[in-house]
């Protein structure tokens, strides 16, 4: 007898997903820094200076940011980045 597999139910995204994310800005170059710090910056998804990335607010991401606080900053919701741009969808 062949049994058919039931498809897995899709998990619902949390309602307050915006509160569980971090806006990170790469604001200082990693030139002259250790290879470990350069790998952390790449691991956060940065490829260019002054780039802003949104990452989930997890202990792992927070730990990575804590290792390079002199290179990466956490932007508050609605706070403009280094170029004066605000996050889309926030009150100005």
N, C-alpha and C. Protein backbone atom coordinates (compact mmCIF):
# COMPACT_ATOMS: atom_id res chain seq x y z
N UNK A 1 0.82 -1.17 0.00
CA UNK A 1 0.00 0.00 0.00
C UNK A 1 0.87 1.24 0.00
N UNK A 2 0.56 2.11 -0.88
CA UNK A 2 1.29 3.37 -0.95
C UNK A 2 0.53 4.44 -0.17
N UNK A 3 1.26 5.09 0.70
CA UNK A 3 0.64 6.18 1.44
C UNK A 3 1.10 7.50 0.85
N UNK A 4 0.20 8.41 0.78
CA UNK A 4 0.55 9.72 0.23
C UNK A 4 0.95 10.64 1.37
N UNK A 5 1.98 11.41 1.10
CA UNK A 5 2.44 12.36 2.10
C UNK A 5 1.54 13.59 2.06
N UNK A 6 1.21 14.05 3.22
CA UNK A 6 0.41 15.27 3.32
C UNK A 6 1.34 16.47 3.24
N UNK A 7 0.96 17.51 2.50
CA UNK A 7 1.82 18.70 2.46
C UNK A 7 1.87 19.37 3.83
N UNK A 8 3.03 19.92 4.13
CA UNK A 8 3.20 20.60 5.41
C UNK A 8 2.44 21.91 5.41
N UNK A 9 1.91 22.24 6.53
CA UNK A 9 1.18 23.51 6.67
C UNK A 9 2.20 24.65 6.71
N UNK A 10 1.90 25.70 6.01
CA UNK A 10 2.79 26.86 6.01
C UNK A 10 2.69 27.57 7.34
N UNK A 11 3.85 27.96 7.86
CA UNK A 11 3.86 28.67 9.13
C UNK A 11 3.49 30.13 8.89
N UNK A 12 2.67 30.65 9.74
CA UNK A 12 2.26 32.05 9.61
C UNK A 12 3.38 32.94 10.13
N UNK A 13 3.61 34.03 9.44
CA UNK A 13 4.61 35.00 9.87
C UNK A 13 4.08 35.75 11.09
N UNK A 14 4.96 36.10 12.02
CA UNK A 14 4.49 36.86 13.17
C UNK A 14 3.92 38.20 12.75
N UNK A 15 2.90 38.65 13.47
CA UNK A 15 2.22 39.89 13.12
C UNK A 15 3.13 41.10 13.28
N UNK A 16 4.00 41.07 14.27
CA UNK A 16 4.88 42.22 14.50
C UNK A 16 6.28 41.92 13.98
N UNK A 17 6.38 41.53 12.72
CA UNK A 17 7.67 41.16 12.14
C UNK A 17 8.60 42.36 12.04
N UNK A 18 8.06 43.58 11.94
CA UNK A 18 8.91 44.76 11.86
C UNK A 18 9.66 44.97 13.17
N UNK A 19 9.05 44.58 14.28
CA UNK A 19 9.70 44.74 15.57
C UNK A 19 10.80 43.71 15.78
N UNK A 20 10.80 42.66 15.00
CA UNK A 20 11.79 41.60 15.16
C UNK A 20 12.87 41.68 14.10
N UNK A 21 13.10 42.85 13.56
CA UNK A 21 14.17 43.05 12.59
C UNK A 21 15.05 44.20 13.04
N UNK A 22 16.27 44.20 12.53
CA UNK A 22 17.22 45.26 12.81
C UNK A 22 17.61 45.92 11.50
N UNK A 23 17.63 47.24 11.47
CA UNK A 23 18.20 47.97 10.34
C UNK A 23 19.65 48.28 10.67
N UNK A 24 20.57 47.70 9.91
CA UNK A 24 22.00 47.86 10.17
C UNK A 24 22.61 48.69 9.06
N UNK A 25 23.54 49.57 9.44
CA UNK A 25 24.25 50.39 8.45
C UNK A 25 25.75 50.14 8.59
N UNK A 26 26.39 49.90 7.47
CA UNK A 26 27.84 49.71 7.40
C UNK A 26 28.43 51.09 7.15
N UNK A 27 28.97 51.73 8.20
CA UNK A 27 29.35 53.13 8.07
C UNK A 27 30.84 53.40 8.14
N UNK A 28 31.67 52.40 8.47
CA UNK A 28 33.10 52.62 8.51
C UNK A 28 33.79 51.43 7.85
N UNK A 29 34.81 51.72 7.06
CA UNK A 29 35.47 50.68 6.27
C UNK A 29 36.20 49.66 7.13
N UNK A 30 36.28 48.44 6.62
CA UNK A 30 37.00 47.36 7.30
C UNK A 30 38.44 47.25 6.82
N UNK A 31 38.88 48.18 6.00
CA UNK A 31 40.28 48.17 5.55
C UNK A 31 41.18 48.38 6.77
N UNK A 32 42.18 47.54 6.90
CA UNK A 32 43.10 47.64 8.02
C UNK A 32 42.61 46.90 9.26
N UNK A 33 41.47 46.26 9.17
CA UNK A 33 40.93 45.49 10.29
C UNK A 33 41.30 44.02 10.10
N UNK A 34 41.10 43.23 11.13
CA UNK A 34 41.48 41.82 11.05
C UNK A 34 40.57 41.07 10.08
N UNK A 35 41.04 39.94 9.64
CA UNK A 35 40.26 39.14 8.68
C UNK A 35 38.97 38.66 9.32
N UNK A 36 38.97 38.46 10.63
CA UNK A 36 37.77 38.02 11.32
C UNK A 36 36.68 39.09 11.24
N UNK A 37 37.07 40.35 11.45
CA UNK A 37 36.11 41.43 11.37
C UNK A 37 35.58 41.61 9.95
N UNK A 38 36.43 41.40 8.99
CA UNK A 38 35.98 41.49 7.59
C UNK A 38 34.97 40.40 7.28
N UNK A 39 35.19 39.19 7.81
CA UNK A 39 34.24 38.09 7.60
C UNK A 39 32.91 38.36 8.28
N UNK A 40 32.94 38.99 9.44
CA UNK A 40 31.70 39.32 10.14
C UNK A 40 30.89 40.32 9.33
N UNK A 41 31.57 41.33 8.77
CA UNK A 41 30.88 42.33 7.95
C UNK A 41 30.26 41.66 6.73
N UNK A 42 30.99 40.75 6.09
CA UNK A 42 30.45 40.02 4.94
C UNK A 42 29.29 39.11 5.35
N UNK A 43 29.41 38.52 6.53
CA UNK A 43 28.37 37.63 7.03
C UNK A 43 27.07 38.35 7.31
N UNK A 44 27.16 39.63 7.63
CA UNK A 44 25.96 40.44 7.84
C UNK A 44 25.33 40.85 6.51
N UNK A 45 26.03 40.59 5.41
CA UNK A 45 25.47 40.86 4.09
C UNK A 45 25.93 42.16 3.47
N UNK A 46 26.93 42.81 4.05
CA UNK A 46 27.40 44.08 3.51
C UNK A 46 28.45 43.86 2.44
N UNK A 47 28.32 44.60 1.35
CA UNK A 47 29.32 44.56 0.29
C UNK A 47 29.86 45.95 -0.01
N UNK A 48 29.13 46.99 0.37
CA UNK A 48 29.54 48.36 0.08
C UNK A 48 29.39 49.22 1.33
N UNK A 49 30.21 50.24 1.40
CA UNK A 49 30.15 51.18 2.50
C UNK A 49 28.84 51.97 2.45
N UNK A 50 28.31 52.34 3.59
CA UNK A 50 27.06 53.08 3.75
C UNK A 50 25.83 52.29 3.30
N UNK A 51 25.98 51.01 3.20
CA UNK A 51 24.87 50.15 2.81
C UNK A 51 24.00 49.88 4.04
N UNK A 52 22.70 49.81 3.83
CA UNK A 52 21.76 49.51 4.91
C UNK A 52 21.10 48.17 4.61
N UNK A 53 21.13 47.28 5.60
CA UNK A 53 20.54 45.96 5.44
C UNK A 53 19.57 45.72 6.59
N UNK A 54 18.52 44.98 6.31
CA UNK A 54 17.56 44.59 7.34
C UNK A 54 17.79 43.12 7.65
N UNK A 55 18.04 42.84 8.91
CA UNK A 55 18.33 41.48 9.35
C UNK A 55 17.38 41.11 10.49
N UNK A 56 17.10 39.83 10.68
CA UNK A 56 16.25 39.43 11.81
C UNK A 56 16.95 39.72 13.14
N UNK A 57 16.18 40.06 14.13
CA UNK A 57 16.71 40.37 15.46
C UNK A 57 16.87 39.06 16.24
N UNK A 58 18.01 38.42 16.03
CA UNK A 58 18.31 37.16 16.70
C UNK A 58 19.58 37.34 17.53
N UNK A 59 19.80 36.47 18.50
CA UNK A 59 21.03 36.57 19.29
C UNK A 59 22.30 36.44 18.43
N UNK A 60 22.23 35.65 17.38
CA UNK A 60 23.39 35.50 16.50
C UNK A 60 23.75 36.79 15.78
N UNK A 61 22.74 37.46 15.23
CA UNK A 61 22.98 38.73 14.53
C UNK A 61 23.46 39.79 15.52
N UNK A 62 22.83 39.83 16.69
CA UNK A 62 23.24 40.80 17.72
C UNK A 62 24.69 40.55 18.15
N UNK A 63 25.09 39.29 18.24
CA UNK A 63 26.46 38.96 18.60
C UNK A 63 27.44 39.40 17.54
N UNK A 64 27.06 39.25 16.27
CA UNK A 64 27.93 39.69 15.18
C UNK A 64 28.10 41.21 15.22
N UNK A 65 27.01 41.92 15.45
CA UNK A 65 27.07 43.38 15.53
C UNK A 65 27.92 43.81 16.73
N UNK A 66 27.83 43.07 17.82
CA UNK A 66 28.61 43.41 19.02
C UNK A 66 30.11 43.25 18.78
N UNK A 67 30.49 42.39 17.84
CA UNK A 67 31.90 42.19 17.55
C UNK A 67 32.49 43.33 16.70
N UNK A 68 31.64 44.04 15.95
CA UNK A 68 32.13 45.11 15.09
C UNK A 68 31.30 46.40 15.28
N UNK A 69 31.13 46.88 16.51
CA UNK A 69 30.30 48.07 16.70
C UNK A 69 30.95 49.33 16.14
N UNK A 70 32.26 49.29 15.90
CA UNK A 70 32.97 50.43 15.34
C UNK A 70 32.82 50.49 13.81
N UNK A 71 32.23 49.45 13.19
CA UNK A 71 32.05 49.41 11.75
C UNK A 71 30.58 49.44 11.34
N UNK A 72 29.71 48.92 12.20
CA UNK A 72 28.29 48.76 11.89
C UNK A 72 27.47 49.40 13.00
N UNK A 73 26.40 50.09 12.62
CA UNK A 73 25.51 50.67 13.63
C UNK A 73 24.09 50.19 13.38
N UNK A 74 23.33 50.14 14.47
CA UNK A 74 21.91 49.78 14.40
C UNK A 74 21.11 51.07 14.30
N UNK A 75 20.31 51.17 13.25
CA UNK A 75 19.47 52.35 13.05
C UNK A 75 18.11 52.13 13.70
N UNK A 76 17.64 53.15 14.37
CA UNK A 76 16.30 53.08 14.97
C UNK A 76 15.26 53.22 13.87
N UNK A 77 14.05 52.70 14.07
CA UNK A 77 13.00 52.87 13.07
C UNK A 77 12.74 54.36 12.82
N UNK A 78 12.76 54.76 11.57
CA UNK A 78 12.52 56.15 11.21
C UNK A 78 13.77 57.00 11.22
N UNK A 79 14.88 56.48 11.74
CA UNK A 79 16.12 57.25 11.77
C UNK A 79 16.76 57.24 10.39
N UNK A 80 17.18 58.40 9.88
CA UNK A 80 17.81 58.41 8.55
C UNK A 80 19.20 57.79 8.60
N UNK A 81 19.61 57.21 7.47
CA UNK A 81 20.95 56.65 7.40
C UNK A 81 21.94 57.77 7.10
N UNK A 82 23.19 57.42 6.78
CA UNK A 82 24.24 58.42 6.57
C UNK A 82 23.94 59.33 5.39
N UNK A 83 23.14 58.89 4.45
CA UNK A 83 22.82 59.70 3.28
C UNK A 83 21.53 60.50 3.48
N UNK A 84 20.95 60.43 4.66
CA UNK A 84 19.74 61.20 4.94
C UNK A 84 18.46 60.53 4.51
N UNK A 85 18.54 59.26 4.09
CA UNK A 85 17.34 58.54 3.65
C UNK A 85 16.67 57.90 4.84
N UNK A 86 15.36 57.95 4.87
CA UNK A 86 14.61 57.32 5.95
C UNK A 86 14.09 55.98 5.48
N UNK A 87 13.71 55.15 6.42
CA UNK A 87 13.14 53.86 6.09
C UNK A 87 11.78 54.07 5.45
N UNK A 88 11.49 53.31 4.43
CA UNK A 88 10.21 53.42 3.74
C UNK A 88 9.11 52.92 4.66
N UNK A 89 8.01 53.64 4.68
CA UNK A 89 6.85 53.21 5.46
C UNK A 89 6.83 53.74 6.88
N UNK A 90 7.73 54.67 7.20
CA UNK A 90 7.69 55.26 8.55
C UNK A 90 7.18 56.69 8.46
N UNK A 91 6.65 57.17 9.55
CA UNK A 91 6.16 58.56 9.59
C UNK A 91 7.34 59.51 9.59
N UNK A 92 7.20 60.58 8.82
CA UNK A 92 8.29 61.54 8.75
C UNK A 92 7.95 62.81 9.44
